N, C-alpha and C. Protein backbone atom coordinates (compact mmCIF):
# COMPACT_ATOMS: atom_id res chain seq x y z
N UNK A 1 15.47 11.96 -4.73
CA UNK A 1 16.17 10.50 -4.81
C UNK A 1 15.60 9.27 -4.29
N UNK A 2 16.13 9.92 -2.47
CA UNK A 2 15.43 8.70 -1.71
C UNK A 2 14.39 8.22 -1.95
N UNK A 3 13.27 9.30 -1.87
CA UNK A 3 12.58 9.34 -1.44
C UNK A 3 11.30 8.26 -2.54
N UNK A 4 11.79 8.91 -3.92
CA UNK A 4 11.46 8.15 -4.82
C UNK A 4 11.53 6.92 -4.71
N UNK A 5 12.57 6.10 -4.18
CA UNK A 5 13.59 4.84 -3.93
C UNK A 5 12.34 3.91 -3.14
N UNK A 6 11.31 4.93 -1.99
CA UNK A 6 10.89 4.59 -1.33
C UNK A 6 9.72 4.46 -1.42
N UNK A 7 9.25 5.21 -2.24
CA UNK A 7 7.72 5.21 -2.99
C UNK A 7 7.59 3.86 -3.97
N UNK A 8 8.96 3.52 -4.87
CA UNK A 8 8.88 3.05 -5.90
C UNK A 8 8.49 1.32 -5.24
N UNK A 9 9.74 1.15 -3.85
CA UNK A 9 9.54 0.06 -2.95
C UNK A 9 8.48 0.45 -2.44
N UNK A 10 7.13 0.83 -2.27
CA UNK A 10 5.89 1.00 -1.67
C UNK A 10 4.79 0.75 -2.04
N UNK A 11 4.75 1.00 -3.63
CA UNK A 11 4.07 1.07 -4.21
C UNK A 11 4.56 -0.96 -4.51
N UNK A 12 5.33 -1.23 -5.03
CA UNK A 12 5.55 -2.48 -5.37
C UNK A 12 5.00 -3.09 -4.18
N UNK A 13 5.61 -3.48 -3.13
CA UNK A 13 5.34 -3.98 -2.06
C UNK A 13 3.70 -4.00 -1.67
N UNK A 14 2.90 -3.03 -2.24
CA UNK A 14 1.43 -3.34 -2.42
C UNK A 14 0.94 -3.76 -3.76
N UNK A 15 1.20 -3.91 -5.10
CA UNK A 15 1.06 -4.39 -6.20
C UNK A 15 1.35 -6.06 -5.41
N UNK A 16 2.35 -6.44 -4.12
CA UNK A 16 3.08 -7.85 -4.61
C UNK A 16 2.30 -8.59 -3.26
N UNK A 17 1.53 -7.77 -2.49
CA UNK A 17 0.50 -7.73 -1.59
C UNK A 17 -0.89 -7.53 -2.52
N UNK A 18 -1.06 -6.60 -3.05
CA UNK A 18 -2.13 -7.07 -3.84
C UNK A 18 -2.32 -7.99 -4.61
N UNK A 19 -2.10 -8.67 -5.06
CA UNK A 19 -1.56 -10.05 -6.16
C UNK A 19 -2.14 -11.15 -5.50
N UNK A 20 -1.28 -11.62 -4.02
CA UNK A 20 -1.33 -12.38 -2.82
C UNK A 20 -2.98 -12.16 -2.62
N UNK A 21 -2.84 -11.04 -2.45
CA UNK A 21 -4.68 -10.95 -1.77
C UNK A 21 -5.54 -11.45 -2.62
N UNK A 22 -5.41 -11.37 -3.78
CA UNK A 22 -6.02 -11.94 -4.52
C UNK A 22 -6.68 -13.08 -4.68
N UNK A 23 -5.52 -13.69 -4.51
CA UNK A 23 -5.69 -15.40 -4.27
C UNK A 23 -6.69 -16.06 -2.83
N UNK A 24 -6.93 -14.44 -2.25
CA UNK A 24 -7.66 -14.87 -0.86
C UNK A 24 -9.51 -14.38 -1.14
N UNK A 25 -9.68 -14.74 -0.78
CA UNK A 25 -11.53 -14.36 -0.62
C UNK A 25 -11.22 -12.95 -1.04
N UNK A 26 -12.08 -12.25 -1.70
CA UNK A 26 -12.44 -11.26 -1.78
C UNK A 26 -13.09 -9.82 -0.41
N UNK A 27 -13.67 -10.74 0.82
CA UNK A 27 -14.06 -10.02 1.99
C UNK A 27 -12.64 -9.65 2.55
N UNK A 28 -12.15 -10.92 1.99
CA UNK A 28 -10.77 -10.47 3.26
C UNK A 28 -9.29 -9.50 2.66
N UNK A 29 -9.82 -8.96 0.86
CA UNK A 29 -9.19 -8.47 0.45
C UNK A 29 -9.62 -6.75 0.32
N UNK A 30 -11.19 -6.45 0.90
CA UNK A 30 -11.75 -5.57 1.70
C UNK A 30 -11.31 -4.74 2.97
N UNK A 31 -10.89 -5.93 3.22
CA UNK A 31 -10.85 -5.60 4.85
C UNK A 31 -9.20 -5.13 4.79
N UNK A 32 -8.28 -6.07 4.45
CA UNK A 32 -7.52 -5.45 4.41
C UNK A 32 -7.27 -4.03 3.67
N UNK A 33 -7.73 -3.82 3.43
CA UNK A 33 -7.76 -2.23 2.76
C UNK A 33 -8.32 -1.11 2.97
N UNK A 34 -9.14 -1.07 3.87
CA UNK A 34 -10.28 -0.73 4.74
C UNK A 34 -9.16 -0.17 5.58
N UNK A 35 -8.23 -0.82 6.29
CA UNK A 35 -7.26 -0.81 7.13
C UNK A 35 -5.85 0.03 7.06
N UNK A 36 -5.74 -0.88 5.74
CA UNK A 36 -4.01 0.07 5.89
C UNK A 36 -4.32 0.82 4.74
N UNK A 37 -5.45 1.43 3.58
CA UNK A 37 -5.14 2.15 2.90
C UNK A 37 -5.40 3.71 3.82
N UNK A 38 -6.25 3.63 4.77
CA UNK A 38 -6.06 5.14 5.05
C UNK A 38 -4.62 5.30 6.13
N UNK A 39 -4.04 4.10 6.85
CA UNK A 39 -2.74 4.26 7.25
C UNK A 39 -1.85 4.87 6.25
N UNK A 40 -1.87 4.06 5.23
CA UNK A 40 -0.90 4.79 4.49
C UNK A 40 -0.87 5.85 3.51
N UNK A 41 -2.06 6.68 3.80
CA UNK A 41 -2.70 7.81 3.28
C UNK A 41 -1.94 9.02 4.53
N UNK A 42 -2.15 8.49 5.92
CA UNK A 42 -2.25 9.68 6.78
C UNK A 42 -0.54 9.40 7.37
N UNK A 43 0.32 8.55 7.01
CA UNK A 43 1.20 8.14 7.44
C UNK A 43 2.66 8.77 6.74
N UNK A 44 2.52 7.50 5.71
CA UNK A 44 3.08 7.49 4.64
C UNK A 44 3.72 8.42 3.89
N UNK A 45 2.21 8.46 2.90
CA UNK A 45 2.12 10.10 2.09
C UNK A 45 2.49 11.19 2.13
N UNK A 46 2.02 11.95 3.08
CA UNK A 46 2.66 13.49 4.00
C UNK A 46 4.07 13.62 4.53
N UNK A 47 4.99 11.91 4.56
CA UNK A 47 6.45 12.57 4.41
C UNK A 47 6.90 12.52 3.09
N UNK A 48 5.98 12.79 2.21
CA UNK A 48 7.05 13.04 0.39
C UNK A 48 6.13 13.86 -0.06
N UNK A 49 6.29 15.17 -0.14
CA UNK A 49 5.76 16.22 -0.77
C UNK A 49 5.99 15.69 -2.10
N UNK A 50 4.87 15.71 -3.07
CA UNK A 50 4.76 15.90 -4.50
C UNK A 50 5.13 17.19 -5.24
């Protein structure tokens, strides 16, 4: 239950950030995801086994 709320919140945060980053140059968007996605994948996803 709690993990679902956290996952939903994180997903919304990523969507919001994505929309904000779309207003910036594409290169900035690519750099942002290059650094944040591996961190998200490595540290956040393993905490919530599917």
